[in-house]
Amino acid sequence: MGLFTQSLDVVLTEGGVLSALTWRGQRYDVLEEPLQWYERRKWWEEEQRAERGRGRGLVDHEIWRVQARGARDGDLRTFDLSHHVSSGRWRMIRLHDAVREEAA
């Protein structure tokens, strides 16, 4: 597993669910419904101040875990993505080793 942060492009369905992403110039199609959760972040290290009533996006990161297949090379990968709600920016924060499929 790698831990880092890289910007990437995503494609969402009309319902707001991640359906594809582009990383390092390759498109990856999402295979299963992504998992989504929130993680606490050290907002005081990144923000000058916290406005009253502002919580979502300030205190928590929106995290998505997706399993996707590369359109060009067929590689199966599992990505953890962070979505910055205010800016709409998506970043990859972890790349997990995918389980290799057994040859039939």
PDB file of N, CA and C in Angstrom:
ATOM      1  N   MET A   1       0.852  -1.177   0.000  1.00  0.00           N
ATOM      2  CA  MET A   1       0.000   0.000   0.000  1.00  0.00           C
ATOM      3  C   MET A   1       0.890   1.230   0.000  1.00  0.00           C
ATOM      4  N   GLY A   2       0.544   2.194  -0.811  1.00  0.00           N
ATOM      5  CA  GLY A   2       1.253   3.460  -0.833  1.00  0.00           C
ATOM      6  C   GLY A   2       0.408   4.541  -0.189  1.00  0.00           C
ATOM      7  N   LEU A   3       1.032   5.485   0.496  1.00  0.00           N
ATOM      8  CA  LEU A   3       0.327   6.597   1.120  1.00  0.00           C
ATOM      9  C   LEU A   3       0.918   7.888   0.583  1.00  0.00           C
ATOM     10  N   PHE A   4       0.110   8.662  -0.113  1.00  0.00           N
ATOM     11  CA  PHE A   4       0.573   9.897  -0.727  1.00  0.00           C
ATOM     12  C   PHE A   4      -0.643  10.704  -1.130  1.00  0.00           C
ATOM     13  N   THR A   5      -0.442  11.774  -1.819  1.00  0.00           N
ATOM     14  CA  THR A   5      -1.560  12.561  -2.312  1.00  0.00           C
ATOM     15  C   THR A   5      -1.260  13.043  -3.715  1.00  0.00           C
ATOM     16  N   GLN A   6      -2.176  12.757  -4.615  1.00  0.00           N
ATOM     17  CA  GLN A   6      -2.058  13.183  -6.003  1.00  0.00           C
ATOM     18  C   GLN A   6      -3.418  13.621  -6.492  1.00  0.00           C
ATOM     19  N   SER A   7      -3.431  14.680  -7.264  1.00  0.00           N
ATOM     20  CA  SER A   7      -4.665  15.152  -7.853  1.00  0.00           C
ATOM     21  C   SER A   7      -5.097  14.200  -8.961  1.00  0.00           C
ATOM     22  N   LEU A   8      -6.409  14.036  -9.133  1.00  0.00           N
ATOM     23  CA  LEU A   8      -6.920  13.218 -10.217  1.00  0.00           C
ATOM     24  C   LEU A   8      -8.279  13.731 -10.658  1.00  0.00           C
ATOM     25  N   ASP A   9      -8.718  13.249 -11.810  1.00  0.00           N
ATOM     26  CA  ASP A   9     -10.027  13.622 -12.346  1.00  0.00           C
ATOM     27  C   ASP A   9     -10.989  12.477 -12.114  1.00  0.00           C
ATOM     28  N   VAL A  10     -12.247  12.801 -11.817  1.00  0.00           N
ATOM     29  CA  VAL A  10     -13.257  11.776 -11.579  1.00  0.00           C
ATOM     30  C   VAL A  10     -14.480  12.037 -12.447  1.00  0.00           C
ATOM     31  N   VAL A  11     -15.243  10.974 -12.669  1.00  0.00           N
ATOM     32  CA  VAL A  11     -16.527  11.051 -13.356  1.00  0.00           C
ATOM     33  C   VAL A  11     -17.577  10.561 -12.376  1.00  0.00           C
ATOM     34  N   LEU A  12     -18.607  11.380 -12.172  1.00  0.00           N
ATOM     35  CA  LEU A  12     -19.697  11.027 -11.258  1.00  0.00           C
ATOM     36  C   LEU A  12     -20.963  10.761 -12.048  1.00  0.00           C
ATOM     37  N   THR A  13     -21.800   9.869 -11.519  1.00  0.00           N
ATOM     38  CA  THR A  13     -23.113   9.658 -12.108  1.00  0.00           C
ATOM     39  C   THR A  13     -23.991  10.853 -11.755  1.00  0.00           C
ATOM     40  N   GLU A  14     -25.183  10.912 -12.338  1.00  0.00           N
ATOM     41  CA  GLU A  14     -26.107  11.998 -11.997  1.00  0.00           C
ATOM     42  C   GLU A  14     -26.470  11.976 -10.524  1.00  0.00           C
ATOM     43  N   GLY A  15     -26.409  10.804  -9.896  1.00  0.00           N
ATOM     44  CA  GLY A  15     -26.691  10.668  -8.472  1.00  0.00           C
ATOM     45  C   GLY A  15     -25.512  11.004  -7.579  1.00  0.00           C
ATOM     46  N   GLY A  16     -24.380  11.397  -8.174  1.00  0.00           N
ATOM     47  CA  GLY A  16     -23.214  11.790  -7.385  1.00  0.00           C
ATOM     48  C   GLY A  16     -22.311  10.647  -6.974  1.00  0.00           C
ATOM     49  N   VAL A  17     -22.458   9.468  -7.594  1.00  0.00           N
ATOM     50  CA  VAL A  17     -21.625   8.312  -7.267  1.00  0.00           C
ATOM     51  C   VAL A  17     -20.470   8.238  -8.257  1.00  0.00           C
ATOM     52  N   LEU A  18     -19.295   7.956  -7.752  1.00  0.00           N
ATOM     53  CA  LEU A  18     -18.094   7.862  -8.578  1.00  0.00           C
ATOM     54  C   LEU A  18     -18.204   6.677  -9.537  1.00  0.00           C
ATOM     55  N   SER A  19     -18.004   6.914 -10.835  1.00  0.00           N
ATOM     56  CA  SER A  19     -18.100   5.828 -11.815  1.00  0.00           C
ATOM     57  C   SER A  19     -16.783   5.575 -12.545  1.00  0.00           C
ATOM     58  N   ALA A  20     -15.898   6.571 -12.588  1.00  0.00           N
ATOM     59  CA  ALA A  20     -14.601   6.402 -13.249  1.00  0.00           C
ATOM     60  C   ALA A  20     -13.646   7.468 -12.735  1.00  0.00           C
ATOM     61  N   LEU A  21     -12.349   7.203 -12.896  1.00  0.00           N
ATOM     62  CA  LEU A  21     -11.339   8.182 -12.530  1.00  0.00           C
ATOM     63  C   LEU A  21     -10.187   8.087 -13.524  1.00  0.00           C
ATOM     64  N   THR A  22      -9.437   9.165 -13.626  1.00  0.00           N
ATOM     65  CA  THR A  22      -8.246   9.178 -14.478  1.00  0.00           C
ATOM     66  C   THR A  22      -7.047   9.472 -13.592  1.00  0.00           C
ATOM     67  N   TRP A  23      -6.082   8.550 -13.629  1.00  0.00           N
ATOM     68  CA  TRP A  23      -4.866   8.672 -12.831  1.00  0.00           C
ATOM     69  C   TRP A  23      -3.679   8.339 -13.721  1.00  0.00           C
ATOM     70  N   ARG A  24      -2.679   9.217 -13.720  1.00  0.00           N
ATOM     71  CA  ARG A  24      -1.473   9.050 -14.525  1.00  0.00           C
ATOM     72  C   ARG A  24      -1.808   8.808 -15.996  1.00  0.00           C
ATOM     73  N   GLY A  25      -2.813   9.526 -16.483  1.00  0.00           N
ATOM     74  CA  GLY A  25      -3.174   9.456 -17.883  1.00  0.00           C
ATOM     75  C   GLY A  25      -3.997   8.244 -18.289  1.00  0.00           C
ATOM     76  N   GLN A  26      -4.344   7.386 -17.331  1.00  0.00           N
ATOM     77  CA  GLN A  26      -5.133   6.199 -17.644  1.00  0.00           C
ATOM     78  C   GLN A  26      -6.499   6.276 -16.973  1.00  0.00           C
ATOM     79  N   ARG A  27      -7.511   5.914 -17.709  1.00  0.00           N
ATOM     80  CA  ARG A  27      -8.870   5.865 -17.163  1.00  0.00           C
ATOM     81  C   ARG A  27      -9.069   4.534 -16.443  1.00  0.00           C
ATOM     82  N   TYR A  28      -9.700   4.613 -15.275  1.00  0.00           N
ATOM     83  CA  TYR A  28     -10.069   3.433 -14.496  1.00  0.00           C
ATOM     84  C   TYR A  28     -11.577   3.460 -14.302  1.00  0.00           C
ATOM     85  N   ASP A  29     -12.232   2.352 -14.675  1.00  0.00           N
ATOM     86  CA  ASP A  29     -13.674   2.238 -14.498  1.00  0.00           C
ATOM     87  C   ASP A  29     -13.962   1.558 -13.169  1.00  0.00           C
ATOM     88  N   VAL A  30     -14.844   2.158 -12.377  1.00  0.00           N
ATOM     89  CA  VAL A  30     -15.197   1.631 -11.060  1.00  0.00           C
ATOM     90  C   VAL A  30     -16.033   0.372 -11.242  1.00  0.00           C
ATOM     91  N   LEU A  31     -15.661  -0.703 -10.529  1.00  0.00           N
ATOM     92  CA  LEU A  31     -16.308  -2.000 -10.694  1.00  0.00           C
ATOM     93  C   LEU A  31     -17.475  -2.217  -9.735  1.00  0.00           C
ATOM     94  N   GLU A  32     -17.310  -1.816  -8.511  1.00  0.00           N
ATOM     95  CA  GLU A  32     -18.331  -2.014  -7.475  1.00  0.00           C
ATOM     96  C   GLU A  32     -18.768  -0.659  -6.950  1.00  0.00           C
ATOM     97  N   GLU A  33     -19.868  -0.633  -6.229  1.00  0.00           N
ATOM     98  CA  GLU A  33     -20.292   0.622  -5.614  1.00  0.00           C
ATOM     99  C   GLU A  33     -19.239   1.056  -4.600  1.00  0.00           C
ATOM    100  N   PRO A  34     -18.762   2.284  -4.695  1.00  0.00           N
ATOM    101  CA  PRO A  34     -17.709   2.748  -3.777  1.00  0.00           C
ATOM    102  C   PRO A  34     -18.187   2.797  -2.323  1.00  0.00           C
ATOM    103  N   LEU A  35     -17.232   2.625  -1.411  1.00  0.00           N
ATOM    104  CA  LEU A  35     -17.495   2.841   0.008  1.00  0.00           C
ATOM    105  C   LEU A  35     -17.202   4.299   0.305  1.00  0.00           C
ATOM    106  N   GLN A  36     -17.969   4.883   1.207  1.00  0.00           N
ATOM    107  CA  GLN A  36     -17.772   6.289   1.555  1.00  0.00           C
ATOM    108  C   GLN A  36     -17.846   6.451   3.064  1.00  0.00           C
ATOM    109  N   TRP A  37     -16.926   7.261   3.622  1.00  0.00           N
ATOM    110  CA  TRP A  37     -16.949   7.573   5.042  1.00  0.00           C
ATOM    111  C   TRP A  37     -16.262   8.911   5.253  1.00  0.00           C
ATOM    112  N   TYR A  38     -16.230   9.357   6.498  1.00  0.00           N
ATOM    113  CA  TYR A  38     -15.605  10.630   6.850  1.00  0.00           C
ATOM    114  C   TYR A  38     -14.507  10.378   7.873  1.00  0.00           C
ATOM    115  N   GLU A  39     -13.411  11.119   7.735  1.00  0.00           N
ATOM    116  CA  GLU A  39     -12.305  11.045   8.695  1.00  0.00           C
ATOM    117  C   GLU A  39     -12.029  12.434   9.226  1.00  0.00           C
ATOM    118  N   ARG A  40     -11.656  12.503  10.494  1.00  0.00           N
ATOM    119  CA  ARG A  40     -11.291  13.790  11.098  1.00  0.00           C
ATOM    120  C   ARG A  40      -9.982  14.280  10.525  1.00  0.00           C
ATOM    121  N   ARG A  41      -9.860  15.580  10.390  1.00  0.00           N
ATOM    122  CA  ARG A  41      -8.615  16.161   9.908  1.00  0.00           C
ATOM    123  C   ARG A  41      -8.171  17.254  10.866  1.00  0.00           C
ATOM    124  N   LYS A  42      -6.901  17.615  10.801  1.00  0.00           N
ATOM    125  CA  LYS A  42      -6.351  18.665  11.661  1.00  0.00           C
ATOM    126  C   LYS A  42      -6.600  20.021  10.993  1.00  0.00           C
ATOM    127  N   TRP A  43      -7.851  20.459  11.041  1.00  0.00           N
ATOM    128  CA  TRP A  43      -8.238  21.677  10.329  1.00  0.00           C
ATOM    129  C   TRP A  43      -7.484  22.900  10.831  1.00  0.00           C
ATOM    130  N   TRP A  44      -7.120  22.916  12.105  1.00  0.00           N
ATOM    131  CA  TRP A  44      -6.444  24.080  12.672  1.00  0.00           C
ATOM    132  C   TRP A  44      -5.053  24.282  12.080  1.00  0.00           C
ATOM    133  N   GLU A  45      -4.486  23.234  11.447  1.00  0.00           N
ATOM    134  CA  GLU A  45      -3.189  23.369  10.798  1.00  0.00           C
ATOM    135  C   GLU A  45      -3.326  23.887   9.366  1.00  0.00           C
ATOM    136  N   GLU A  46      -4.534  23.799   8.799  1.00  0.00           N
ATOM    137  CA  GLU A  46      -4.753  24.171   7.398  1.00  0.00           C
ATOM    138  C   GLU A  46      -5.587  25.441   7.228  1.00  0.00           C
ATOM    139  N   GLU A  47      -6.335  25.814   8.242  1.00  0.00           N
ATOM    140  CA  GLU A  47      -7.260  26.947   8.144  1.00  0.00           C
ATOM    141  C   GLU A  47      -6.818  28.065   9.087  1.00  0.00           C
ATOM    142  N   GLN A  48      -7.063  29.308   8.693  1.00  0.00           N
ATOM    143  CA  GLN A  48      -6.777  30.445   9.551  1.00  0.00           C
ATOM    144  C   GLN A  48      -7.739  30.500  10.727  1.00  0.00           C
ATOM    145  N   ARG A  49      -9.033  30.241  10.452  1.00  0.00           N
ATOM    146  CA  ARG A  49     -10.039  30.286  11.495  1.00  0.00           C
ATOM    147  C   ARG A  49     -11.239  29.458  11.055  1.00  0.00           C
ATOM    148  N   ALA A  50     -12.076  29.123  11.988  1.00  0.00           N
ATOM    149  CA  ALA A  50     -13.292  28.358  11.712  1.00  0.00           C
ATOM    150  C   ALA A  50     -14.489  29.282  11.854  1.00  0.00           C
ATOM    151  N   GLU A  51     -15.250  29.412  10.793  1.00  0.00           N
ATOM    152  CA  GLU A  51     -16.441  30.254  10.837  1.00  0.00           C
ATOM    153  C   GLU A  51     -17.540  29.554  11.629  1.00  0.00           C
ATOM    154  N   ARG A  52     -18.312  30.316  12.343  1.00  0.00           N
ATOM    155  CA  ARG A  52     -19.409  29.764  13.120  1.00  0.00           C
ATOM    156  C   ARG A  52     -20.388  29.044  12.190  1.00  0.00           C
ATOM    157  N   GLY A  53     -20.792  27.835  12.597  1.00  0.00           N
ATOM    158  CA  GLY A  53     -21.740  27.056  11.823  1.00  0.00           C
ATOM    159  C   GLY A  53     -21.138  26.227  10.710  1.00  0.00           C
ATOM    160  N   ARG A  54     -19.851  26.378  10.475  1.00  0.00           N
ATOM    161  CA  ARG A  54     -19.195  25.593   9.413  1.00  0.00           C
ATOM    162  C   ARG A  54     -18.597  24.345  10.031  1.00  0.00           C
ATOM    163  N   GLY A  55     -19.045  23.184   9.601  1.00  0.00           N
ATOM    164  CA  GLY A  55     -18.541  21.942  10.170  1.00  0.00           C
ATOM    165  C   GLY A  55     -18.136  20.947   9.105  1.00  0.00           C
ATOM    166  N   ARG A  56     -19.111  20.524   8.279  1.00  0.00           N
ATOM    167  CA  ARG A  56     -18.829  19.540   7.245  1.00  0.00           C
ATOM    168  C   ARG A  56     -17.799  20.114   6.276  1.00  0.00           C
ATOM    169  N   GLY A  57     -16.776  19.346   6.002  1.00  0.00           N
ATOM    170  CA  GLY A  57     -15.716  19.806   5.123  1.00  0.00           C
ATOM    171  C   GLY A  57     -14.595  20.500   5.872  1.00  0.00           C
ATOM    172  N   LEU A  58     -14.901  21.058   7.035  1.00  0.00           N
ATOM    173  CA  LEU A  58     -13.874  21.691   7.847  1.00  0.00           C
ATOM    174  C   LEU A  58     -13.285  20.671   8.808  1.00  0.00           C
ATOM    175  N   VAL A  59     -14.147  19.968   9.509  1.00  0.00           N
ATOM    176  CA  VAL A  59     -13.713  19.007  10.509  1.00  0.00           C
ATOM    177  C   VAL A  59     -13.427  17.646   9.890  1.00  0.00           C
ATOM    178  N   ASP A  60     -14.208  17.262   8.900  1.00  0.00           N
ATOM    179  CA  ASP A  60     -14.108  15.926   8.327  1.00  0.00           C
ATOM    180  C   ASP A  60     -13.691  15.959   6.862  1.00  0.00           C
ATOM    181  N   HIS A  61     -12.934  14.945   6.473  1.00  0.00           N
ATOM    182  CA  HIS A  61     -12.634  14.682   5.063  1.00  0.00           C
ATOM    183  C   HIS A  61     -13.658  13.665   4.570  1.00  0.00           C
ATOM    184  N   GLU A  62     -14.159  13.847   3.382  1.00  0.00           N
ATOM    185  CA  GLU A  62     -14.995  12.845   2.745  1.00  0.00           C
ATOM    186  C   GLU A  62     -14.048  11.881   2.030  1.00  0.00           C
ATOM    187  N   ILE A  63     -14.077  10.601   2.408  1.00  0.00           N
ATOM    188  CA  ILE A  63     -13.176   9.594   1.852  1.00  0.00           C
ATOM    189  C   ILE A  63     -13.996   8.573   1.068  1.00  0.00           C
ATOM    190  N   TRP A  64     -13.486   8.204  -0.089  1.00  0.00           N
ATOM    191  CA  TRP A  64     -14.123   7.184  -0.927  1.00  0.00           C
ATOM    192  C   TRP A  64     -13.108   6.085  -1.203  1.00  0.00           C
ATOM    193  N   ARG A  65     -13.499   4.834  -1.076  1.00  0.00           N
ATOM    194  CA  ARG A  65     -12.662   3.700  -1.466  1.00  0.00           C
ATOM    195  C   ARG A  65     -13.314   3.066  -2.687  1.00  0.00           C
ATOM    196  N   VAL A  66     -12.553   2.978  -3.763  1.00  0.00           N
ATOM    197  CA  VAL A  66     -13.092   2.427  -5.003  1.00  0.00           C
ATOM    198  C   VAL A  66     -12.171   1.345  -5.544  1.00  0.00           C
ATOM    199  N   GLN A  67     -12.771   0.325  -6.110  1.00  0.00           N
ATOM    200  CA  GLN A  67     -12.011  -0.690  -6.817  1.00  0.00           C
ATOM    201  C   GLN A  67     -12.300  -0.472  -8.294  1.00  0.00           C
ATOM    202  N   ALA A  68     -11.237  -0.350  -9.082  1.00  0.00           N
ATOM    203  CA  ALA A  68     -11.399   0.014 -10.479  1.00  0.00           C
ATOM    204  C   ALA A  68     -10.411  -0.739 -11.358  1.00  0.00           C
ATOM    205  N   ARG A  69     -10.804  -0.897 -12.610  1.00  0.00           N
ATOM    206  CA  ARG A  69      -9.964  -1.589 -13.592  1.00  0.00           C
ATOM    207  C   ARG A  69      -9.480  -0.594 -14.630  1.00  0.00           C
ATOM    208  N   GLY A  70      -8.184  -0.673 -14.944  1.00  0.00           N
ATOM    209  CA  GLY A  70      -7.603   0.198 -15.956  1.00  0.00           C
ATOM    210  C   GLY A  70      -8.147  -0.122 -17.334  1.00  0.00           C
ATOM    211  N   ALA A  71      -8.608   0.880 -18.039  1.00  0.00           N
ATOM    212  CA  ALA A  71      -9.184   0.682 -19.369  1.00  0.00           C
ATOM    213  C   ALA A  71      -8.124   0.236 -20.370  1.00  0.00           C
ATOM    214  N   ARG A  72      -6.888   0.697 -20.197  1.00  0.00           N
ATOM    215  CA  ARG A  72      -5.827   0.387 -21.157  1.00  0.00           C
ATOM    216  C   ARG A  72      -5.094  -0.902 -20.806  1.00  0.00           C
ATOM    217  N   ASP A  73      -4.706  -1.065 -19.531  1.00  0.00           N
ATOM    218  CA  ASP A  73      -3.884  -2.215 -19.178  1.00  0.00           C
ATOM    219  C   ASP A  73      -4.635  -3.318 -18.440  1.00  0.00           C
ATOM    220  N   GLY A  74      -5.885  -3.071 -18.043  1.00  0.00           N
ATOM    221  CA  GLY A  74      -6.682  -4.095 -17.373  1.00  0.00           C
ATOM    222  C   GLY A  74      -6.307  -4.325 -15.918  1.00  0.00           C
ATOM    223  N   ASP A  75      -5.363  -3.529 -15.382  1.00  0.00           N
ATOM    224  CA  ASP A  75      -4.952  -3.692 -13.987  1.00  0.00           C
ATOM    225  C   ASP A  75      -6.106  -3.377 -13.044  1.00  0.00           C
ATOM    226  N   LEU A  76      -6.224  -4.175 -12.003  1.00  0.00           N
ATOM    227  CA  LEU A  76      -7.218  -3.975 -10.963  1.00  0.00           C
ATOM    228  C   LEU A  76      -6.548  -3.267  -9.794  1.00  0.00           C
ATOM    229  N   ARG A  77      -7.107  -2.130  -9.387  1.00  0.00           N
ATOM    230  CA  ARG A  77      -6.515  -1.343  -8.301  1.00  0.00           C
ATOM    231  C   ARG A  77      -7.608  -0.905  -7.326  1.00  0.00           C
ATOM    232  N   THR A  78      -7.190  -0.685  -6.078  1.00  0.00           N
ATOM    233  CA  THR A  78      -8.086  -0.136  -5.067  1.00  0.00           C
ATOM    234  C   THR A  78      -7.515   1.204  -4.623  1.00  0.00           C
ATOM    235  N   PHE A  79      -8.320   2.246  -4.770  1.00  0.00           N
ATOM    236  CA  PHE A  79      -7.914   3.617  -4.468  1.00  0.00           C
ATOM    237  C   PHE A  79      -8.688   4.139  -3.268  1.00  0.00           C
ATOM    238  N   ASP A  80      -8.031   4.891  -2.394  1.00  0.00           N
ATOM    239  CA  ASP A  80      -8.703   5.718  -1.398  1.00  0.00           C
ATOM    240  C   ASP A  80      -8.572   7.151  -1.878  1.00  0.00           C
ATOM    241  N   LEU A  81      -9.706   7.829  -2.006  1.00  0.00           N
ATOM    242  CA  LEU A  81      -9.753   9.190  -2.526  1.00  0.00           C
ATOM    243  C   LEU A  81     -10.320  10.124  -1.484  1.00  0.00           C
ATOM    244  N   SER A  82      -9.812  11.334  -1.449  1.00  0.00           N
ATOM    245  CA  SER A  82     -10.329  12.375  -0.566  1.00  0.00           C
ATOM    246  C   SER A  82     -11.032  13.410  -1.439  1.00  0.00           C
ATOM    247  N   HIS A  83     -12.241  13.782  -1.031  1.00  0.00           N
ATOM    248  CA  HIS A  83     -13.010  14.783  -1.761  1.00  0.00           C
ATOM    249  C   HIS A  83     -13.117  16.027  -0.894  1.00  0.00           C
ATOM    250  N   HIS A  84     -12.562  17.136  -1.370  1.00  0.00           N
ATOM    251  CA  HIS A  84     -12.668  18.407  -0.660  1.00  0.00           C
ATOM    252  C   HIS A  84     -13.973  19.053  -1.101  1.00  0.00           C
ATOM    253  N   VAL A  85     -14.959  19.034  -0.213  1.00  0.00           N
ATOM    254  CA  VAL A  85     -16.320  19.422  -0.558  1.00  0.00           C
ATOM    255  C   VAL A  85     -16.401  20.871  -1.034  1.00  0.00           C
ATOM    256  N   SER A  86     -15.734  21.782  -0.361  1.00  0.00           N
ATOM    257  CA  SER A  86     -15.830  23.206  -0.711  1.00  0.00           C
ATOM    258  C   SER A  86     -15.296  23.512  -2.104  1.00  0.00           C
ATOM    259  N   SER A  87     -14.158  22.917  -2.464  1.00  0.00           N
ATOM    260  CA  SER A  87     -13.540  23.215  -3.759  1.00  0.00           C
ATOM    261  C   SER A  87     -13.941  22.231  -4.850  1.00  0.00           C
ATOM    262  N   GLY A  88     -14.467  21.068  -4.450  1.00  0.00           N
ATOM    263  CA  GLY A  88     -14.794  20.033  -5.420  1.00  0.00           C
ATOM    264  C   GLY A  88     -13.581  19.236  -5.873  1.00  0.00           C
ATOM    265  N   ARG A  89     -12.428  19.484  -5.267  1.00  0.00           N
ATOM    266  CA  ARG A  89     -11.172  18.833  -5.651  1.00  0.00           C
ATOM    267  C   ARG A  89     -11.116  17.389  -5.126  1.00  0.00           C
ATOM    268  N   TRP A  90     -10.606  16.496  -5.954  1.00  0.00           N
ATOM    269  CA  TRP A  90     -10.407  15.087  -5.591  1.00  0.00           C
ATOM    270  C   TRP A  90      -8.914  14.798  -5.568  1.00  0.00           C
ATOM    271  N   ARG A  91      -8.479  14.033  -4.542  1.00  0.00           N
ATOM    272  CA  ARG A  91      -7.078  13.648  -4.427  1.00  0.00           C
ATOM    273  C   ARG A  91      -7.003  12.177  -4.052  1.00  0.00           C
ATOM    274  N   MET A  92      -6.028  11.478  -4.620  1.00  0.00           N
ATOM    275  CA  MET A  92      -5.780  10.109  -4.208  1.00  0.00           C
ATOM    276  C   MET A  92      -4.864  10.152  -2.997  1.00  0.00           C
ATOM    277  N   ILE A  93      -5.250   9.447  -1.941  1.00  0.00           N
ATOM    278  CA  ILE A  93      -4.428   9.450  -0.732  1.00  0.00           C
ATOM    279  C   ILE A  93      -3.807   8.091  -0.434  1.00  0.00           C
ATOM    280  N   ARG A  94      -4.377   7.021  -0.983  1.00  0.00           N
ATOM    281  CA  ARG A  94      -3.801   5.681  -0.789  1.00  0.00           C
ATOM    282  C   ARG A  94      -4.048   4.840  -2.029  1.00  0.00           C
ATOM    283  N   LEU A  95      -3.085   3.999  -2.328  1.00  0.00           N
ATOM    284  CA  LEU A  95      -3.221   3.013  -3.386  1.00  0.00           C
ATOM    285  C   LEU A  95      -2.933   1.657  -2.762  1.00  0.00           C
ATOM    286  N   HIS A  96      -3.934   0.796  -2.746  1.00  0.00           N
ATOM    287  CA  HIS A  96      -3.795  -0.528  -2.141  1.00  0.00           C
ATOM    288  C   HIS A  96      -3.430  -1.545  -3.201  1.00  0.00           C
ATOM    289  N   ASP A  97      -2.700  -2.552  -2.789  1.00  0.00           N
ATOM    290  CA  ASP A  97      -2.428  -3.661  -3.693  1.00  0.00           C
ATOM    291  C   ASP A  97      -3.729  -4.426  -3.895  1.00  0.00           C
ATOM    292  N   ALA A  98      -4.103  -4.634  -5.128  1.00  0.00           N
ATOM    293  CA  ALA A  98      -5.323  -5.387  -5.425  1.00  0.00           C
ATOM    294  C   ALA A  98      -5.012  -6.878  -5.418  1.00  0.00           C
ATOM    295  N   VAL A  99      -5.988  -7.674  -5.085  1.00  0.00           N
ATOM    296  CA  VAL A  99      -5.835  -9.121  -5.116  1.00  0.00           C
ATOM    297  C   VAL A  99      -5.813  -9.547  -6.582  1.00  0.00           C
ATOM    298  N   ARG A 100      -4.844 -10.340  -6.929  1.00  0.00           N
ATOM    299  CA  ARG A 100      -4.742 -10.808  -8.317  1.00  0.00           C
ATOM    300  C   ARG A 100      -5.839 -11.819  -8.603  1.00  0.00           C
ATOM    301  N   GLU A 101      -6.423 -11.705  -9.794  1.00  0.00           N
ATOM    302  CA  GLU A 101      -7.447 -12.646 -10.192  1.00  0.00           C
ATOM    303  C   GLU A 101      -6.789 -13.952 -10.643  1.00  0.00           C
ATOM    304  N   GLU A 102      -7.418 -15.064 -10.307  1.00  0.00           N
ATOM    305  CA  GLU A 102      -6.907 -16.379 -10.704  1.00  0.00           C
ATOM    306  C   GLU A 102      -7.179 -16.609 -12.182  1.00  0.00           C
ATOM    307  N   ALA A 103      -6.214 -17.157 -12.866  1.00  0.00           N
ATOM    308  CA  ALA A 103      -6.406 -17.471 -14.288  1.00  0.00           C
ATOM    309  C   ALA A 103      -7.370 -18.648 -14.392  1.00  0.00           C
ATOM    310  N   ALA A 104      -8.283 -18.552 -15.331  1.00  0.00           N
ATOM    311  CA  ALA A 104      -9.280 -19.616 -15.498  1.00  0.00           C
ATOM    312  C   ALA A 104      -8.739 -20.739 -16.341  1.00  0.00           C
TER     313      ALA A 104
END
